[in-house]
Amino acid sequence: MVSVMFTKGSQKLKYKNDFCSDLIEVQFLPSTFELQEEPQRTTPRGFPPQKKQEIITNLFSLTLGTRHAFWNNLPESIVKDLAIQHEKRASL
């Protein structure tokens, strides 16, 4: 495949096997499939307070003072560390 085109709201996709050919249309989702979108986040997810403090402690001496406000103003919340979750998945 050299080109694939998806259209929002459609259950079909169009593709080309070479650049000179016409688009081929196929239905890739069953007609009974209903798209259910996840609700969008209305507030920031937040950052684990311990990780934020580690960054502030270790990196403030290496960064410009104009960047400190960004780190100080990051929202905090008790959430799983996405970096750790990603590392676990990658090692599976």
N, C-alpha and C. Protein backbone atom coordinates (compact mmCIF):
# COMPACT_ATOMS: atom_id res chain seq x y z
N MET A 1 0.85 -1.17 0.00
CA MET A 1 0.00 0.00 0.00
C MET A 1 0.90 1.24 0.00
N VAL A 2 0.54 2.17 -0.83
CA VAL A 2 1.31 3.41 -0.89
C VAL A 2 0.50 4.60 -0.35
N SER A 3 -0.81 4.43 -0.25
CA SER A 3 -1.65 5.51 0.24
C SER A 3 -2.91 4.91 0.87
N VAL A 4 -3.28 5.44 2.02
CA VAL A 4 -4.50 5.01 2.70
C VAL A 4 -5.24 6.27 3.13
N MET A 5 -6.57 6.29 2.92
CA MET A 5 -7.36 7.45 3.29
C MET A 5 -8.55 7.00 4.14
N PHE A 6 -8.62 7.55 5.34
CA PHE A 6 -9.74 7.32 6.24
C PHE A 6 -10.57 8.60 6.28
N THR A 7 -11.87 8.46 6.41
CA THR A 7 -12.75 9.61 6.50
C THR A 7 -13.51 9.53 7.82
N LYS A 8 -13.46 10.61 8.59
CA LYS A 8 -14.14 10.64 9.88
C LYS A 8 -15.62 10.33 9.71
N GLY A 9 -16.13 9.41 10.51
CA GLY A 9 -17.54 9.06 10.48
C GLY A 9 -17.88 7.96 9.48
N SER A 10 -16.91 7.55 8.69
CA SER A 10 -17.15 6.52 7.67
C SER A 10 -16.62 5.18 8.16
N GLN A 11 -17.27 4.11 7.71
CA GLN A 11 -16.81 2.77 8.03
C GLN A 11 -16.01 2.18 6.87
N LYS A 12 -15.64 3.03 5.95
CA LYS A 12 -14.88 2.58 4.77
C LYS A 12 -13.52 3.24 4.76
N LEU A 13 -12.59 2.58 4.08
CA LEU A 13 -11.30 3.19 3.85
C LEU A 13 -10.98 3.06 2.37
N LYS A 14 -10.12 3.94 1.90
CA LYS A 14 -9.69 3.91 0.50
C LYS A 14 -8.19 3.77 0.50
N TYR A 15 -7.68 2.97 -0.44
CA TYR A 15 -6.24 2.76 -0.50
C TYR A 15 -5.76 2.58 -1.93
N LYS A 16 -4.46 2.74 -2.11
CA LYS A 16 -3.81 2.51 -3.40
C LYS A 16 -2.66 1.55 -3.18
N ASN A 17 -2.48 0.65 -4.13
CA ASN A 17 -1.34 -0.26 -4.07
C ASN A 17 -0.12 0.30 -4.80
N ASP A 18 -0.35 1.25 -5.69
CA ASP A 18 0.76 1.96 -6.34
C ASP A 18 0.29 3.38 -6.66
N PHE A 19 1.23 4.24 -6.94
CA PHE A 19 0.90 5.66 -7.10
C PHE A 19 0.07 5.97 -8.34
N CYS A 20 0.10 5.10 -9.33
CA CYS A 20 -0.61 5.38 -10.58
C CYS A 20 -2.03 4.83 -10.60
N SER A 21 -2.39 4.02 -9.63
CA SER A 21 -3.72 3.39 -9.64
C SER A 21 -4.77 4.29 -8.99
N ASP A 22 -6.03 3.94 -9.21
CA ASP A 22 -7.14 4.64 -8.58
C ASP A 22 -7.32 4.12 -7.15
N LEU A 23 -8.02 4.91 -6.34
CA LEU A 23 -8.30 4.47 -4.98
C LEU A 23 -9.26 3.29 -4.99
N ILE A 24 -8.98 2.31 -4.15
CA ILE A 24 -9.86 1.15 -3.97
C ILE A 24 -10.57 1.34 -2.65
N GLU A 25 -11.90 1.20 -2.64
CA GLU A 25 -12.69 1.42 -1.43
C GLU A 25 -13.13 0.09 -0.84
N VAL A 26 -12.93 -0.06 0.46
CA VAL A 26 -13.36 -1.27 1.16
C VAL A 26 -14.04 -0.89 2.47
N GLN A 27 -14.96 -1.72 2.91
CA GLN A 27 -15.59 -1.51 4.21
C GLN A 27 -14.75 -2.28 5.22
N PHE A 28 -14.18 -1.57 6.20
CA PHE A 28 -13.28 -2.23 7.14
C PHE A 28 -13.90 -2.43 8.52
N LEU A 29 -15.08 -1.85 8.74
CA LEU A 29 -15.80 -2.08 9.99
C LEU A 29 -17.14 -2.73 9.67
N PRO A 30 -17.59 -3.66 10.52
CA PRO A 30 -18.90 -4.27 10.28
C PRO A 30 -20.00 -3.22 10.37
N SER A 31 -21.09 -3.43 9.66
CA SER A 31 -22.18 -2.45 9.66
C SER A 31 -22.82 -2.30 11.03
N THR A 32 -22.62 -3.27 11.92
CA THR A 32 -23.20 -3.19 13.27
C THR A 32 -22.30 -2.43 14.24
N PHE A 33 -21.12 -2.04 13.80
CA PHE A 33 -20.17 -1.33 14.66
C PHE A 33 -20.66 0.07 14.95
N GLU A 34 -20.64 0.46 16.24
CA GLU A 34 -20.99 1.82 16.64
C GLU A 34 -19.79 2.46 17.29
N LEU A 35 -19.35 3.57 16.75
CA LEU A 35 -18.22 4.28 17.30
C LEU A 35 -18.64 4.99 18.58
N GLN A 36 -17.93 4.72 19.66
CA GLN A 36 -18.21 5.38 20.93
C GLN A 36 -16.96 6.13 21.34
N GLU A 37 -17.01 7.43 21.23
CA GLU A 37 -15.86 8.25 21.56
C GLU A 37 -15.77 8.45 23.07
N GLU A 38 -14.54 8.46 23.55
CA GLU A 38 -14.29 8.72 24.96
C GLU A 38 -14.58 10.19 25.26
N PRO A 39 -15.12 10.48 26.41
CA PRO A 39 -15.36 11.88 26.75
C PRO A 39 -14.03 12.63 26.84
N GLN A 40 -14.02 13.85 26.37
CA GLN A 40 -12.80 14.64 26.42
C GLN A 40 -12.58 15.19 27.81
N ARG A 41 -11.33 15.28 28.16
CA ARG A 41 -10.93 15.82 29.46
C ARG A 41 -11.19 17.32 29.49
N THR A 42 -11.82 17.81 30.54
CA THR A 42 -12.09 19.24 30.64
C THR A 42 -11.11 19.95 31.58
N THR A 43 -10.36 19.15 32.34
CA THR A 43 -9.34 19.72 33.23
C THR A 43 -8.03 18.98 32.97
N PRO A 44 -6.91 19.60 33.30
CA PRO A 44 -5.63 18.91 33.11
C PRO A 44 -5.57 17.63 33.93
N ARG A 45 -4.89 16.62 33.41
CA ARG A 45 -4.75 15.34 34.09
C ARG A 45 -3.99 15.50 35.39
N GLY A 46 -3.00 16.35 35.39
CA GLY A 46 -2.19 16.56 36.58
C GLY A 46 -0.91 15.75 36.51
N PHE A 47 -0.09 15.96 37.48
CA PHE A 47 1.25 15.41 37.53
C PHE A 47 1.49 14.89 38.94
N PRO A 48 2.10 13.73 39.12
CA PRO A 48 2.36 13.26 40.49
C PRO A 48 3.23 14.27 41.24
N PRO A 49 2.83 14.69 42.44
CA PRO A 49 3.58 15.72 43.19
C PRO A 49 5.04 15.34 43.41
N GLN A 50 5.31 14.07 43.68
CA GLN A 50 6.69 13.64 43.94
C GLN A 50 7.55 13.81 42.69
N LYS A 51 7.01 13.47 41.54
CA LYS A 51 7.76 13.61 40.30
C LYS A 51 8.00 15.09 39.98
N LYS A 52 7.00 15.91 40.21
CA LYS A 52 7.15 17.35 39.98
C LYS A 52 8.26 17.91 40.87
N GLN A 53 8.26 17.49 42.13
CA GLN A 53 9.28 17.98 43.05
C GLN A 53 10.68 17.50 42.64
N GLU A 54 10.79 16.27 42.15
CA GLU A 54 12.08 15.75 41.68
C GLU A 54 12.59 16.58 40.51
N ILE A 55 11.71 16.91 39.59
CA ILE A 55 12.10 17.72 38.44
C ILE A 55 12.55 19.10 38.89
N ILE A 56 11.79 19.71 39.76
CA ILE A 56 12.15 21.04 40.25
C ILE A 56 13.50 21.00 40.96
N THR A 57 13.69 20.00 41.80
CA THR A 57 14.95 19.89 42.55
C THR A 57 16.15 19.66 41.63
N ASN A 58 16.00 18.76 40.67
CA ASN A 58 17.14 18.36 39.83
C ASN A 58 17.40 19.28 38.64
N LEU A 59 16.37 19.91 38.10
CA LEU A 59 16.56 20.65 36.85
C LEU A 59 16.56 22.16 36.96
N PHE A 60 16.08 22.70 38.07
CA PHE A 60 16.00 24.16 38.15
C PHE A 60 17.36 24.82 37.99
N SER A 61 18.40 24.21 38.51
CA SER A 61 19.73 24.81 38.39
C SER A 61 20.24 24.78 36.94
N LEU A 62 19.63 23.94 36.11
CA LEU A 62 20.07 23.80 34.71
C LEU A 62 19.22 24.61 33.73
N THR A 63 18.10 25.14 34.19
CA THR A 63 17.19 25.84 33.29
C THR A 63 17.19 27.34 33.54
N LEU A 64 16.73 28.06 32.55
CA LEU A 64 16.59 29.51 32.68
C LEU A 64 15.50 29.84 33.69
N GLY A 65 15.66 30.94 34.36
CA GLY A 65 14.65 31.37 35.34
C GLY A 65 13.29 31.60 34.71
N THR A 66 13.27 31.94 33.43
CA THR A 66 11.99 32.18 32.75
C THR A 66 11.18 30.90 32.59
N ARG A 67 11.82 29.76 32.73
CA ARG A 67 11.12 28.47 32.59
C ARG A 67 10.60 27.93 33.92
N HIS A 68 11.01 28.51 35.01
CA HIS A 68 10.62 28.00 36.33
C HIS A 68 9.12 28.12 36.57
N ALA A 69 8.51 29.16 36.08
CA ALA A 69 7.07 29.35 36.30
C ALA A 69 6.27 28.18 35.70
N PHE A 70 6.71 27.69 34.56
CA PHE A 70 6.02 26.55 33.93
C PHE A 70 5.97 25.37 34.89
N TRP A 71 7.11 24.99 35.43
CA TRP A 71 7.16 23.83 36.31
C TRP A 71 6.44 24.09 37.63
N ASN A 72 6.57 25.29 38.15
CA ASN A 72 5.88 25.60 39.41
C ASN A 72 4.37 25.59 39.26
N ASN A 73 3.88 25.92 38.07
CA ASN A 73 2.43 26.02 37.85
C ASN A 73 1.80 24.75 37.31
N LEU A 74 2.57 23.69 37.13
CA LEU A 74 1.99 22.43 36.65
C LEU A 74 0.94 21.93 37.64
N PRO A 75 -0.23 21.52 37.15
CA PRO A 75 -1.24 21.00 38.07
C PRO A 75 -0.78 19.67 38.65
N GLU A 76 -1.11 19.45 39.90
CA GLU A 76 -0.76 18.21 40.57
C GLU A 76 -2.00 17.38 40.84
N SER A 77 -1.83 16.08 40.80
CA SER A 77 -2.89 15.16 41.21
C SER A 77 -2.27 13.80 41.46
N ILE A 78 -2.96 13.01 42.22
CA ILE A 78 -2.48 11.67 42.53
C ILE A 78 -2.92 10.77 41.37
N VAL A 79 -2.00 10.53 40.44
CA VAL A 79 -2.28 9.72 39.26
C VAL A 79 -1.12 8.77 39.04
N LYS A 80 -1.36 7.72 38.26
CA LYS A 80 -0.28 6.81 37.91
C LYS A 80 0.72 7.53 37.02
N ASP A 81 1.96 7.20 37.18
CA ASP A 81 3.02 7.78 36.35
C ASP A 81 2.97 7.11 34.98
N LEU A 82 2.64 7.86 33.96
CA LEU A 82 2.51 7.29 32.62
C LEU A 82 3.83 6.76 32.10
N ALA A 83 4.95 7.34 32.49
CA ALA A 83 6.25 6.86 32.03
C ALA A 83 6.49 5.45 32.53
N ILE A 84 6.14 5.18 33.77
CA ILE A 84 6.32 3.83 34.34
C ILE A 84 5.38 2.87 33.66
N GLN A 85 4.13 3.27 33.43
CA GLN A 85 3.18 2.40 32.75
C GLN A 85 3.66 2.06 31.35
N HIS A 86 4.23 3.05 30.64
CA HIS A 86 4.72 2.81 29.28
C HIS A 86 5.89 1.84 29.30
N GLU A 87 6.80 1.99 30.25
CA GLU A 87 7.96 1.10 30.33
C GLU A 87 7.52 -0.34 30.59
N LYS A 88 6.51 -0.53 31.42
CA LYS A 88 6.03 -1.88 31.71
C LYS A 88 5.45 -2.52 30.45
N ARG A 89 4.65 -1.75 29.69
CA ARG A 89 4.04 -2.27 28.46
C ARG A 89 5.12 -2.57 27.42
N ALA A 90 6.11 -1.73 27.31
CA ALA A 90 7.15 -1.90 26.31
C ALA A 90 7.98 -3.16 26.58
N SER A 91 8.12 -3.53 27.84
CA SER A 91 8.94 -4.68 28.17
C SER A 91 8.18 -6.00 28.03
N LEU A 92 6.87 -5.94 27.84
CA LEU A 92 6.07 -7.18 27.72
C LEU A 92 6.30 -7.88 26.44
